[in-house]
Structure formats: C-alpha cells, structure tokens
C-alpha cells in the first residue's frame, strides 16, 4: 500500500519517524500535535489553555496544507497529563469548533513528549 501523506510547511517539524497526516480515502488522520512553536521547535510556555491553543494552531496548519479546515474534523482525541486541566482545555477546545461538534475522547496519560501538558490528534473528512 502506498501512503499519501501531508507534510505541513507551517507546522512544527516531526520529532520522530512519522508524517503530519495520512490520507485514507476521504479520511485524513492527523498525528498528535503538542504545543511546539514551529519557528523554534521548542515547547511553548504557558498554562494548559495556552498549550491547547498552540496544539490546535499546529493542527490547523496541517489541515490547511491538506486543503481542509476545522469544519472537516469528525473526531478528536485529547491527551492530558493532569485531568485537573480538563476545564481549561475544554474552554480552549470550545473556541475552535462550532456545532455540530466532532466526536471527542479525552484521557489522562502519564507523560507526553517534551513535557507537554496536552497533545491532540484529529481525524477529518474531505467533503
């Protein structure tokens, strides 16, 4: 099988052997994004709300480079290192989507790359 991938010129460089996103028919599977500054390659400072905003900025860059937008997102997986940050993440999340909202799963994890407080992955569908 040949993979059709998306590499975002505006998103942060991958910190491992993975693609920013992979097409499977009309579905686009986006790799998880942490709050990395694309210009510096470093994790940004800030609370989980600020980090969630940056993770979504990075995901939007990948979506846009694939010709899609946040309106094409059908599923979102959110990983938090501390479930006490749920309300702040949820507020930032709510600013990114309109109704009808995509499906979502949010789980707590023991740790994330570079010490991030949040990582988000998406699945989008080409209309």
N, C-alpha and C. Protein backbone atom coordinates (compact mmCIF):
# COMPACT_ATOMS: atom_id res chain seq x y z
N UNK A 1 0.84 -1.18 0.00
CA UNK A 1 0.00 0.00 0.00
C UNK A 1 0.88 1.24 0.00
N UNK A 2 0.54 2.19 -0.82
CA UNK A 2 1.25 3.45 -0.86
C UNK A 2 0.51 4.44 0.04
N UNK A 3 1.26 5.11 0.91
CA UNK A 3 0.67 6.11 1.78
C UNK A 3 0.70 7.47 1.08
N UNK A 4 -0.42 8.18 1.17
CA UNK A 4 -0.46 9.56 0.69
C UNK A 4 -0.41 10.42 1.94
N UNK A 5 0.68 11.15 2.10
CA UNK A 5 0.91 11.89 3.33
C UNK A 5 0.80 13.40 3.11
N UNK A 6 0.64 14.10 4.22
CA UNK A 6 0.65 15.55 4.24
C UNK A 6 1.81 15.96 5.13
N UNK A 7 2.68 16.80 4.59
CA UNK A 7 3.75 17.39 5.38
C UNK A 7 3.51 18.89 5.37
N UNK A 8 3.28 19.43 6.55
CA UNK A 8 2.97 20.85 6.65
C UNK A 8 4.25 21.68 6.69
N UNK A 9 4.33 22.64 5.80
CA UNK A 9 5.47 23.56 5.80
C UNK A 9 5.37 24.57 6.93
N UNK A 10 4.15 24.77 7.46
CA UNK A 10 3.95 25.77 8.51
C UNK A 10 3.86 25.17 9.90
N UNK A 11 3.65 23.86 9.99
CA UNK A 11 3.58 23.21 11.30
C UNK A 11 4.97 22.86 11.78
N UNK A 12 5.09 22.48 13.06
CA UNK A 12 6.41 22.10 13.58
C UNK A 12 6.90 20.82 12.93
N UNK A 13 8.20 20.71 12.78
CA UNK A 13 8.79 19.51 12.21
C UNK A 13 8.49 18.32 13.12
N UNK A 14 8.28 17.18 12.51
CA UNK A 14 8.04 15.96 13.28
C UNK A 14 9.26 15.67 14.15
N UNK A 15 9.01 15.23 15.38
CA UNK A 15 10.13 14.92 16.29
C UNK A 15 10.37 13.41 16.34
N UNK A 16 9.94 12.73 15.30
CA UNK A 16 10.13 11.29 15.19
C UNK A 16 9.81 10.84 13.78
N UNK A 17 9.86 9.53 13.56
CA UNK A 17 9.60 8.99 12.22
C UNK A 17 8.10 8.82 11.95
N UNK A 18 7.43 9.94 11.72
CA UNK A 18 6.01 9.91 11.40
C UNK A 18 5.68 11.08 10.48
N UNK A 19 4.51 10.98 9.84
CA UNK A 19 4.02 12.04 8.96
C UNK A 19 3.06 12.93 9.73
N UNK A 20 2.93 14.18 9.31
CA UNK A 20 1.95 15.06 9.94
C UNK A 20 0.55 14.50 9.80
N UNK A 21 0.26 13.91 8.64
CA UNK A 21 -1.06 13.33 8.40
C UNK A 21 -0.96 12.32 7.26
N UNK A 22 -1.95 11.42 7.23
CA UNK A 22 -2.02 10.40 6.18
C UNK A 22 -3.46 10.32 5.69
N UNK A 23 -3.61 10.34 4.36
CA UNK A 23 -4.92 10.17 3.75
C UNK A 23 -5.26 8.68 3.66
N UNK A 24 -6.52 8.34 3.95
CA UNK A 24 -7.07 7.01 3.72
C UNK A 24 -8.42 7.24 3.06
N UNK A 25 -8.44 7.25 1.74
CA UNK A 25 -9.66 7.62 1.02
C UNK A 25 -9.97 9.08 1.29
N UNK A 26 -11.19 9.35 1.77
CA UNK A 26 -11.59 10.72 2.08
C UNK A 26 -11.30 11.11 3.52
N UNK A 27 -10.69 10.21 4.28
CA UNK A 27 -10.36 10.49 5.68
C UNK A 27 -8.89 10.91 5.80
N UNK A 28 -8.67 11.94 6.61
CA UNK A 28 -7.32 12.40 6.89
C UNK A 28 -7.04 12.17 8.38
N UNK A 29 -6.06 11.35 8.67
CA UNK A 29 -5.65 11.05 10.04
C UNK A 29 -4.46 11.93 10.38
N UNK A 30 -4.65 12.84 11.34
CA UNK A 30 -3.58 13.75 11.74
C UNK A 30 -2.86 13.21 12.97
N UNK A 31 -1.55 13.19 12.90
CA UNK A 31 -0.75 12.80 14.06
C UNK A 31 -0.97 13.77 15.19
N UNK A 32 -0.78 13.30 16.40
CA UNK A 32 -0.92 14.16 17.56
C UNK A 32 0.04 15.34 17.51
N UNK A 33 -0.46 16.48 17.93
CA UNK A 33 0.36 17.69 17.99
C UNK A 33 0.42 18.17 19.44
N UNK A 34 1.60 18.53 19.84
CA UNK A 34 1.82 19.14 21.14
C UNK A 34 2.04 20.63 20.92
N UNK A 35 2.14 21.41 21.98
CA UNK A 35 2.28 22.86 21.83
C UNK A 35 3.72 23.30 21.52
N UNK A 36 4.20 22.85 20.39
CA UNK A 36 5.55 23.21 19.95
C UNK A 36 5.48 24.43 19.04
N UNK A 37 6.36 25.37 19.26
CA UNK A 37 6.49 26.54 18.39
C UNK A 37 7.20 26.09 17.12
N UNK A 38 6.53 26.23 15.98
CA UNK A 38 7.10 25.77 14.71
C UNK A 38 8.40 26.48 14.37
N UNK A 39 8.55 27.73 14.78
CA UNK A 39 9.75 28.50 14.44
C UNK A 39 10.97 28.05 15.24
N UNK A 40 10.76 27.67 16.50
CA UNK A 40 11.90 27.32 17.36
C UNK A 40 12.04 25.82 17.59
N UNK A 41 10.97 25.07 17.37
CA UNK A 41 10.99 23.65 17.65
C UNK A 41 10.93 23.33 19.13
N UNK A 42 10.60 24.33 19.93
CA UNK A 42 10.55 24.15 21.38
C UNK A 42 9.12 24.23 21.88
N UNK A 43 8.90 23.57 23.01
CA UNK A 43 7.62 23.63 23.69
C UNK A 43 7.39 25.06 24.18
N UNK A 44 6.18 25.58 23.99
CA UNK A 44 5.89 26.94 24.43
C UNK A 44 5.65 26.96 25.94
N UNK A 45 5.84 28.11 26.54
CA UNK A 45 5.49 28.32 27.94
C UNK A 45 4.00 28.61 28.03
N UNK A 46 3.44 28.38 29.19
CA UNK A 46 2.04 28.74 29.40
C UNK A 46 1.24 27.63 30.03
N UNK A 47 0.04 28.01 30.47
CA UNK A 47 -0.85 27.04 31.10
C UNK A 47 -1.45 26.13 30.04
N UNK A 48 -2.28 25.19 30.48
CA UNK A 48 -2.83 24.21 29.55
C UNK A 48 -3.75 24.85 28.52
N UNK A 49 -4.42 25.95 28.86
CA UNK A 49 -5.23 26.65 27.87
C UNK A 49 -4.39 27.19 26.74
N UNK A 50 -3.28 27.82 27.09
CA UNK A 50 -2.34 28.35 26.09
C UNK A 50 -1.74 27.21 25.27
N UNK A 51 -1.39 26.13 25.95
CA UNK A 51 -0.81 24.98 25.24
C UNK A 51 -1.83 24.33 24.31
N UNK A 52 -3.09 24.27 24.74
CA UNK A 52 -4.14 23.71 23.88
C UNK A 52 -4.32 24.57 22.63
N UNK A 53 -4.32 25.89 22.81
CA UNK A 53 -4.43 26.79 21.66
C UNK A 53 -3.30 26.53 20.66
N UNK A 54 -2.06 26.37 21.14
CA UNK A 54 -0.93 26.15 20.23
C UNK A 54 -1.04 24.79 19.55
N UNK A 55 -1.45 23.78 20.27
CA UNK A 55 -1.62 22.46 19.64
C UNK A 55 -2.64 22.56 18.51
N UNK A 56 -3.75 23.28 18.74
CA UNK A 56 -4.74 23.47 17.68
C UNK A 56 -4.19 24.32 16.54
N UNK A 57 -3.37 25.33 16.83
CA UNK A 57 -2.73 26.10 15.75
C UNK A 57 -1.92 25.17 14.86
N UNK A 58 -1.17 24.27 15.48
CA UNK A 58 -0.34 23.34 14.72
C UNK A 58 -1.21 22.39 13.89
N UNK A 59 -2.29 21.90 14.47
CA UNK A 59 -3.20 21.03 13.73
C UNK A 59 -3.88 21.76 12.58
N UNK A 60 -4.28 23.00 12.81
CA UNK A 60 -4.91 23.78 11.74
C UNK A 60 -3.96 24.00 10.57
N UNK A 61 -2.67 24.18 10.85
CA UNK A 61 -1.69 24.34 9.78
C UNK A 61 -1.65 23.08 8.91
N UNK A 62 -1.69 21.92 9.53
CA UNK A 62 -1.69 20.66 8.77
C UNK A 62 -2.98 20.54 7.97
N UNK A 63 -4.11 20.80 8.60
CA UNK A 63 -5.39 20.75 7.90
C UNK A 63 -5.40 21.67 6.68
N UNK A 64 -4.96 22.91 6.87
CA UNK A 64 -4.96 23.87 5.78
C UNK A 64 -4.03 23.44 4.65
N UNK A 65 -2.88 22.88 5.00
CA UNK A 65 -1.96 22.41 3.96
C UNK A 65 -2.53 21.21 3.21
N UNK A 66 -3.52 20.54 3.81
CA UNK A 66 -4.20 19.43 3.14
C UNK A 66 -5.47 19.91 2.42
N UNK A 67 -5.76 21.22 2.49
CA UNK A 67 -6.93 21.76 1.82
C UNK A 67 -8.21 21.63 2.65
N UNK A 68 -8.07 21.43 3.95
CA UNK A 68 -9.23 21.28 4.83
C UNK A 68 -9.22 22.35 5.91
N UNK A 69 -10.28 22.34 6.74
CA UNK A 69 -10.38 23.28 7.85
C UNK A 69 -10.90 22.52 9.07
N UNK A 70 -11.03 23.24 10.19
CA UNK A 70 -11.56 22.63 11.40
C UNK A 70 -13.00 22.15 11.20
N UNK A 71 -13.71 22.71 10.23
CA UNK A 71 -15.07 22.26 9.95
C UNK A 71 -15.12 20.85 9.38
N UNK A 72 -13.99 20.33 8.91
CA UNK A 72 -13.92 18.98 8.36
C UNK A 72 -13.60 17.93 9.43
N UNK A 73 -13.31 18.35 10.65
CA UNK A 73 -12.92 17.42 11.71
C UNK A 73 -14.14 16.63 12.18
N UNK A 74 -13.99 15.29 12.25
CA UNK A 74 -15.09 14.44 12.71
C UNK A 74 -14.76 13.76 14.04
N UNK A 75 -13.48 13.68 14.41
CA UNK A 75 -13.09 13.00 15.66
C UNK A 75 -11.86 13.67 16.22
N UNK A 76 -11.83 13.82 17.53
CA UNK A 76 -10.71 14.45 18.21
C UNK A 76 -10.35 13.61 19.43
N UNK A 77 -9.07 13.33 19.60
CA UNK A 77 -8.57 12.65 20.80
C UNK A 77 -7.65 13.62 21.52
N UNK A 78 -7.93 13.85 22.79
CA UNK A 78 -7.15 14.77 23.61
C UNK A 78 -6.48 13.97 24.72
N UNK A 79 -5.18 14.22 24.91
CA UNK A 79 -4.40 13.56 25.95
C UNK A 79 -3.89 14.64 26.91
N UNK A 80 -4.24 14.50 28.18
CA UNK A 80 -3.81 15.44 29.23
C UNK A 80 -2.93 14.72 30.23
N UNK A 81 -1.92 15.40 30.73
CA UNK A 81 -1.10 14.80 31.79
C UNK A 81 -1.73 14.98 33.16
N UNK A 82 -2.73 15.85 33.26
CA UNK A 82 -3.40 16.09 34.53
C UNK A 82 -4.87 16.40 34.25
N UNK A 83 -5.76 15.53 34.69
CA UNK A 83 -7.18 15.70 34.41
C UNK A 83 -7.76 16.94 35.12
N UNK A 84 -7.02 17.50 36.07
CA UNK A 84 -7.46 18.76 36.68
C UNK A 84 -7.41 19.91 35.68
N UNK A 85 -6.71 19.72 34.55
CA UNK A 85 -6.63 20.72 33.49
C UNK A 85 -7.79 20.62 32.50
N UNK A 86 -8.73 19.72 32.75
CA UNK A 86 -9.81 19.48 31.79
C UNK A 86 -10.61 20.74 31.48
N UNK A 87 -10.99 21.51 32.49
CA UNK A 87 -11.82 22.70 32.25
C UNK A 87 -11.10 23.72 31.37
N UNK A 88 -9.82 23.96 31.62
CA UNK A 88 -9.07 24.92 30.80
C UNK A 88 -8.91 24.42 29.38
N UNK A 89 -8.62 23.11 29.22
CA UNK A 89 -8.52 22.54 27.88
C UNK A 89 -9.86 22.64 27.18
N UNK A 90 -10.95 22.31 27.90
CA UNK A 90 -12.28 22.29 27.32
C UNK A 90 -12.70 23.69 26.85
N UNK A 91 -12.32 24.73 27.60
CA UNK A 91 -12.63 26.10 27.19
C UNK A 91 -11.90 26.45 25.89
N UNK A 92 -10.62 26.10 25.80
CA UNK A 92 -9.86 26.35 24.57
C UNK A 92 -10.43 25.53 23.41
N UNK A 93 -10.79 24.29 23.68
CA UNK A 93 -11.38 23.42 22.67
C UNK A 93 -12.68 24.03 22.13
N UNK A 94 -13.51 24.54 23.04
CA UNK A 94 -14.79 25.11 22.66
C UNK A 94 -14.69 26.32 21.75
N UNK A 95 -13.55 27.01 21.79
CA UNK A 95 -13.34 28.15 20.90
C UNK A 95 -12.96 27.73 19.48
N UNK A 96 -12.61 26.47 19.28
CA UNK A 96 -12.13 26.00 17.98
C UNK A 96 -13.19 25.35 17.11
N UNK A 97 -14.29 24.92 17.72
CA UNK A 97 -15.31 24.19 16.97
C UNK A 97 -16.67 24.84 17.13
N UNK A 98 -17.53 24.65 16.13
CA UNK A 98 -18.91 25.08 16.20
C UNK A 98 -19.80 23.84 16.09
N UNK A 99 -21.06 24.00 16.45
CA UNK A 99 -22.00 22.88 16.35
C UNK A 99 -22.29 22.56 14.90
N UNK A 100 -22.46 21.33 14.55
CA UNK A 100 -22.37 20.16 15.40
C UNK A 100 -20.90 19.82 15.68
N UNK A 101 -20.60 19.55 16.95
CA UNK A 101 -19.23 19.31 17.37
C UNK A 101 -18.76 17.93 16.92
N UNK A 102 -17.44 17.79 16.68
CA UNK A 102 -16.92 16.47 16.37
C UNK A 102 -16.99 15.56 17.61
N UNK A 103 -16.92 14.27 17.38
CA UNK A 103 -16.81 13.32 18.48
C UNK A 103 -15.46 13.56 19.17
N UNK A 104 -15.40 13.24 20.48
CA UNK A 104 -14.15 13.50 21.20
C UNK A 104 -13.96 12.48 22.31
N UNK A 105 -12.70 12.16 22.53
CA UNK A 105 -12.27 11.37 23.67
C UNK A 105 -11.18 12.16 24.37
N UNK A 106 -11.24 12.22 25.70
CA UNK A 106 -10.20 12.89 26.48
C UNK A 106 -9.74 11.92 27.56
N UNK A 107 -8.43 11.68 27.61
CA UNK A 107 -7.88 10.75 28.60
C UNK A 107 -6.66 11.37 29.27
N UNK A 108 -6.37 10.88 30.47
CA UNK A 108 -5.16 11.28 31.17
C UNK A 108 -4.06 10.28 30.86
N UNK A 109 -2.86 10.79 30.68
CA UNK A 109 -1.70 9.95 30.38
C UNK A 109 -0.58 10.27 31.36
N UNK A 110 0.37 9.37 31.49
CA UNK A 110 1.46 9.56 32.45
C UNK A 110 2.44 10.64 32.00
N UNK A 111 2.60 10.83 30.71
CA UNK A 111 3.54 11.83 30.22
C UNK A 111 3.38 12.02 28.72
N UNK A 112 3.89 13.16 28.23
CA UNK A 112 3.84 13.49 26.81
C UNK A 112 5.21 13.98 26.36
N UNK A 113 5.49 13.94 25.04
CA UNK A 113 6.78 14.38 24.54
C UNK A 113 7.15 15.80 24.99
N UNK A 114 8.40 15.97 25.33
CA UNK A 114 8.99 17.26 25.71
C UNK A 114 8.36 17.87 26.95
N UNK A 115 7.59 17.09 27.70
CA UNK A 115 6.97 17.60 28.91
C UNK A 115 5.70 18.40 28.67
N UNK A 116 5.07 18.23 27.51
CA UNK A 116 3.83 18.94 27.20
C UNK A 116 2.73 18.53 28.17
N UNK A 117 1.78 19.45 28.41
CA UNK A 117 0.64 19.16 29.26
C UNK A 117 -0.53 18.59 28.46
N UNK A 118 -0.50 18.78 27.12
CA UNK A 118 -1.61 18.33 26.27
C UNK A 118 -1.07 17.92 24.90
N UNK A 119 -1.70 16.92 24.32
CA UNK A 119 -1.47 16.51 22.93
C UNK A 119 -2.83 16.22 22.33
N UNK A 120 -3.01 16.60 21.07
CA UNK A 120 -4.30 16.44 20.40
C UNK A 120 -4.08 15.82 19.03
N UNK A 121 -4.92 14.85 18.70
CA UNK A 121 -4.91 14.26 17.35
C UNK A 121 -6.31 14.37 16.77
N UNK A 122 -6.39 14.43 15.46
CA UNK A 122 -7.67 14.62 14.77
C UNK A 122 -7.85 13.63 13.64
N UNK A 123 -9.11 13.40 13.31
CA UNK A 123 -9.50 12.74 12.07
C UNK A 123 -10.45 13.70 11.36
N UNK A 124 -10.17 13.96 10.10
CA UNK A 124 -11.00 14.86 9.31
C UNK A 124 -11.49 14.12 8.05
N UNK A 125 -12.59 14.61 7.51
CA UNK A 125 -13.15 14.00 6.30
C UNK A 125 -13.31 15.05 5.21
N UNK A 126 -12.78 14.72 4.05
CA UNK A 126 -12.94 15.58 2.89
C UNK A 126 -14.39 15.53 2.44
N UNK A 127 -14.99 16.68 2.22
CA UNK A 127 -16.42 16.72 1.84
C UNK A 127 -16.61 16.33 0.40
